[in-house]
N, C-alpha and C. Protein backbone atom coordinates (compact mmCIF):
# COMPACT_ATOMS: atom_id res chain seq x y z
N MET A 1 -7.24 -11.56 7.04
CA MET A 1 -6.29 -10.48 7.16
C MET A 1 -4.89 -11.06 7.31
N ILE A 2 -4.06 -10.72 6.39
CA ILE A 2 -2.70 -11.25 6.40
C ILE A 2 -1.89 -10.67 7.55
N ALA A 3 -1.99 -9.37 7.79
CA ALA A 3 -1.20 -8.72 8.83
C ALA A 3 -1.84 -8.86 10.20
N GLN A 4 -3.00 -9.47 10.29
CA GLN A 4 -3.71 -9.66 11.55
C GLN A 4 -4.04 -8.35 12.26
N THR A 5 -4.26 -7.30 11.47
CA THR A 5 -4.67 -6.01 12.03
C THR A 5 -5.54 -5.30 11.01
N GLY A 6 -6.49 -4.55 11.48
CA GLY A 6 -7.36 -3.82 10.57
C GLY A 6 -6.94 -2.38 10.37
N LEU A 7 -6.07 -1.88 11.26
CA LEU A 7 -5.67 -0.48 11.19
C LEU A 7 -4.21 -0.34 11.56
N VAL A 8 -3.47 0.39 10.73
CA VAL A 8 -2.06 0.67 10.99
C VAL A 8 -1.89 2.17 10.87
N THR A 9 -1.24 2.77 11.85
CA THR A 9 -0.93 4.19 11.80
C THR A 9 0.57 4.34 11.61
N LEU A 10 0.96 5.05 10.56
CA LEU A 10 2.38 5.28 10.28
C LEU A 10 2.69 6.76 10.42
N GLU A 11 3.83 7.06 10.99
CA GLU A 11 4.30 8.44 11.05
C GLU A 11 5.04 8.72 9.75
N ILE A 12 4.58 9.71 9.02
CA ILE A 12 5.21 10.06 7.74
C ILE A 12 5.49 11.55 7.70
N ASP A 13 6.37 11.96 6.78
CA ASP A 13 6.64 13.37 6.60
C ASP A 13 6.38 13.74 5.14
N GLU A 14 6.68 14.97 4.77
CA GLU A 14 6.37 15.44 3.41
C GLU A 14 7.17 14.74 2.33
N LYS A 15 8.25 14.05 2.70
CA LYS A 15 9.06 13.32 1.72
C LYS A 15 8.61 11.87 1.54
N THR A 16 7.68 11.43 2.35
CA THR A 16 7.21 10.04 2.27
C THR A 16 6.37 9.85 1.02
N THR A 17 6.71 8.82 0.26
CA THR A 17 5.96 8.49 -0.96
C THR A 17 5.13 7.23 -0.71
N TYR A 18 4.23 6.95 -1.64
CA TYR A 18 3.45 5.72 -1.54
C TYR A 18 4.38 4.50 -1.58
N LYS A 19 5.43 4.60 -2.39
CA LYS A 19 6.40 3.49 -2.46
C LYS A 19 7.09 3.28 -1.12
N SER A 20 7.47 4.35 -0.45
CA SER A 20 8.13 4.20 0.85
C SER A 20 7.15 3.66 1.90
N ILE A 21 5.88 3.94 1.75
CA ILE A 21 4.87 3.36 2.64
C ILE A 21 4.80 1.85 2.42
N ILE A 22 4.85 1.43 1.17
CA ILE A 22 4.87 -0.01 0.87
C ILE A 22 6.09 -0.66 1.51
N GLU A 23 7.24 0.00 1.42
CA GLU A 23 8.47 -0.52 2.02
C GLU A 23 8.34 -0.61 3.54
N GLN A 24 7.71 0.38 4.17
CA GLN A 24 7.48 0.34 5.61
C GLN A 24 6.57 -0.83 5.99
N LEU A 25 5.50 -1.02 5.20
CA LEU A 25 4.59 -2.12 5.48
C LEU A 25 5.29 -3.47 5.35
N ALA A 26 6.15 -3.59 4.33
CA ALA A 26 6.90 -4.84 4.15
C ALA A 26 7.80 -5.12 5.33
N GLU A 27 8.38 -4.07 5.90
CA GLU A 27 9.26 -4.25 7.06
C GLU A 27 8.45 -4.58 8.32
N LEU A 28 7.35 -3.89 8.51
CA LEU A 28 6.52 -4.12 9.71
C LEU A 28 5.75 -5.44 9.66
N TYR A 29 5.32 -5.81 8.45
CA TYR A 29 4.49 -7.00 8.26
C TYR A 29 5.07 -7.86 7.15
N PRO A 30 6.16 -8.58 7.43
CA PRO A 30 6.81 -9.38 6.38
C PRO A 30 5.89 -10.43 5.77
N GLU A 31 4.84 -10.82 6.45
CA GLU A 31 3.90 -11.78 5.89
C GLU A 31 3.10 -11.21 4.71
N MET A 32 3.16 -9.88 4.51
CA MET A 32 2.51 -9.26 3.35
C MET A 32 3.34 -9.41 2.08
N VAL A 33 4.64 -9.66 2.25
CA VAL A 33 5.53 -9.82 1.10
C VAL A 33 5.25 -11.17 0.46
N GLY A 34 4.91 -11.15 -0.79
CA GLY A 34 4.51 -12.36 -1.51
C GLY A 34 3.03 -12.28 -1.88
N PRO A 35 2.13 -12.35 -0.88
CA PRO A 35 0.71 -12.28 -1.21
C PRO A 35 0.23 -10.91 -1.70
N LEU A 36 0.80 -9.81 -1.15
CA LEU A 36 0.34 -8.46 -1.49
C LEU A 36 1.44 -7.57 -2.07
N ILE A 37 2.65 -7.79 -1.62
CA ILE A 37 3.79 -6.95 -2.01
C ILE A 37 4.79 -7.80 -2.78
N HIS A 38 5.19 -7.31 -3.95
CA HIS A 38 6.17 -8.01 -4.78
C HIS A 38 7.48 -8.12 -4.01
N PRO A 39 8.02 -9.34 -3.83
CA PRO A 39 9.21 -9.51 -2.99
C PRO A 39 10.49 -8.87 -3.53
N ASP A 40 10.64 -8.75 -4.83
CA ASP A 40 11.87 -8.20 -5.39
C ASP A 40 11.82 -6.68 -5.54
N GLU A 41 10.68 -6.16 -5.94
CA GLU A 41 10.57 -4.74 -6.25
C GLU A 41 9.99 -3.91 -5.11
N LEU A 42 9.43 -4.58 -4.10
CA LEU A 42 8.71 -3.90 -3.02
C LEU A 42 7.69 -2.91 -3.57
N THR A 43 6.90 -3.40 -4.51
CA THR A 43 5.75 -2.67 -5.03
C THR A 43 4.53 -3.55 -4.79
N LEU A 44 3.36 -2.98 -4.93
CA LEU A 44 2.14 -3.76 -4.76
C LEU A 44 1.96 -4.69 -5.96
N LEU A 45 1.48 -5.88 -5.70
CA LEU A 45 1.16 -6.79 -6.80
C LEU A 45 -0.02 -6.24 -7.58
N ASN A 46 -0.22 -6.72 -8.80
CA ASN A 46 -1.22 -6.17 -9.72
C ASN A 46 -2.63 -6.08 -9.15
N CYS A 47 -3.02 -7.00 -8.32
CA CYS A 47 -4.39 -7.02 -7.81
C CYS A 47 -4.54 -6.32 -6.46
N THR A 48 -3.49 -5.66 -6.00
CA THR A 48 -3.53 -4.95 -4.72
C THR A 48 -3.35 -3.46 -4.98
N VAL A 49 -4.20 -2.64 -4.38
CA VAL A 49 -4.17 -1.20 -4.63
C VAL A 49 -4.35 -0.42 -3.33
N PHE A 50 -3.84 0.81 -3.34
CA PHE A 50 -4.14 1.79 -2.30
C PHE A 50 -5.37 2.58 -2.75
N PHE A 51 -6.27 2.82 -1.83
CA PHE A 51 -7.34 3.79 -2.04
C PHE A 51 -7.10 4.91 -1.05
N ARG A 52 -7.15 6.14 -1.55
CA ARG A 52 -6.94 7.31 -0.71
C ARG A 52 -8.29 7.90 -0.33
N ASN A 53 -8.50 8.06 0.96
CA ASN A 53 -9.71 8.68 1.50
C ASN A 53 -10.98 8.00 1.00
N GLN A 54 -10.92 6.71 0.81
CA GLN A 54 -12.03 5.82 0.48
C GLN A 54 -12.63 6.02 -0.91
N HIS A 55 -12.02 6.82 -1.77
CA HIS A 55 -12.64 7.00 -3.08
C HIS A 55 -11.69 7.14 -4.26
N GLU A 56 -10.40 7.32 -4.03
CA GLU A 56 -9.47 7.53 -5.13
C GLU A 56 -8.40 6.44 -5.13
N MET A 57 -8.33 5.69 -6.22
CA MET A 57 -7.32 4.65 -6.35
C MET A 57 -5.99 5.29 -6.73
N ILE A 58 -4.92 4.87 -6.06
CA ILE A 58 -3.57 5.34 -6.39
C ILE A 58 -3.01 4.43 -7.48
N THR A 59 -2.68 5.01 -8.61
CA THR A 59 -2.18 4.23 -9.74
C THR A 59 -0.67 4.05 -9.64
N GLN A 60 -0.14 3.16 -10.44
CA GLN A 60 1.30 2.92 -10.49
C GLN A 60 2.05 4.19 -10.87
N GLU A 61 1.44 5.04 -11.69
CA GLU A 61 2.06 6.30 -12.09
C GLU A 61 2.18 7.27 -10.91
N GLN A 62 1.39 7.08 -9.86
CA GLN A 62 1.40 7.98 -8.70
C GLN A 62 2.27 7.44 -7.56
N ILE A 63 2.91 6.30 -7.73
CA ILE A 63 3.58 5.60 -6.64
C ILE A 63 4.72 6.42 -6.02
N ASP A 64 5.31 7.34 -6.79
CA ASP A 64 6.40 8.17 -6.26
C ASP A 64 5.91 9.50 -5.71
N GLN A 65 4.59 9.70 -5.69
CA GLN A 65 4.01 10.91 -5.11
C GLN A 65 3.78 10.71 -3.62
N SER A 66 3.44 11.78 -2.94
CA SER A 66 3.24 11.73 -1.49
C SER A 66 1.78 11.96 -1.14
N PRO A 67 1.31 11.28 -0.11
CA PRO A 67 -0.04 11.58 0.37
C PRO A 67 -0.05 12.95 1.05
N ALA A 68 -1.21 13.57 1.09
CA ALA A 68 -1.37 14.86 1.77
C ALA A 68 -1.57 14.63 3.27
N PRO A 69 -1.25 15.62 4.07
CA PRO A 69 -1.51 15.48 5.51
C PRO A 69 -2.97 15.11 5.77
N GLY A 70 -3.17 14.12 6.61
CA GLY A 70 -4.52 13.69 6.95
C GLY A 70 -5.13 12.66 6.03
N ASP A 71 -4.46 12.35 4.92
CA ASP A 71 -4.98 11.32 4.01
C ASP A 71 -5.07 9.99 4.74
N ARG A 72 -6.10 9.25 4.41
CA ARG A 72 -6.27 7.90 4.96
C ARG A 72 -6.15 6.92 3.80
N LEU A 73 -5.25 5.96 3.92
CA LEU A 73 -5.03 4.98 2.86
C LEU A 73 -5.61 3.65 3.26
N SER A 74 -6.28 3.01 2.32
CA SER A 74 -6.77 1.64 2.50
C SER A 74 -6.03 0.77 1.52
N LEU A 75 -5.61 -0.39 1.96
CA LEU A 75 -4.93 -1.36 1.10
C LEU A 75 -5.93 -2.45 0.79
N LEU A 76 -6.28 -2.58 -0.48
CA LEU A 76 -7.31 -3.52 -0.88
C LEU A 76 -6.79 -4.49 -1.94
N THR A 77 -7.25 -5.69 -1.88
CA THR A 77 -6.96 -6.67 -2.92
C THR A 77 -8.23 -6.86 -3.73
N VAL A 78 -8.11 -6.65 -5.03
CA VAL A 78 -9.23 -6.79 -5.94
C VAL A 78 -9.25 -8.22 -6.44
N ILE A 79 -10.34 -8.91 -6.22
CA ILE A 79 -10.44 -10.30 -6.64
C ILE A 79 -11.40 -10.36 -7.83
N VAL A 80 -10.81 -10.59 -9.01
CA VAL A 80 -11.58 -10.73 -10.24
C VAL A 80 -10.89 -11.78 -11.09
N GLY A 81 -11.55 -12.25 -12.09
CA GLY A 81 -10.93 -13.21 -12.99
C GLY A 81 -9.70 -12.63 -13.66
N GLY A 82 -8.64 -13.41 -13.72
CA GLY A 82 -7.43 -12.97 -14.40
C GLY A 82 -6.37 -12.38 -13.52
N CYS A 83 -6.67 -12.13 -12.23
CA CYS A 83 -5.63 -11.57 -11.33
C CYS A 83 -4.73 -12.64 -10.81
């Protein structure tokens, strides 16, 4: 675990987007920048994804959308050949 924690709770509002969550994580856990978060763009690297409510992957096209109240996000790194 890069951030040395298994669970993070963030206070968000209806204007919070997935991108702004990534920015919050980068600020709270700077050690994630580089291995999981692109340092220049503050976006997730290609092999790192959000899963919403344990079953729906958030795509790059959805990055400016907002999670619904009560959504639970998991940040996962997919390890496969070519990443």
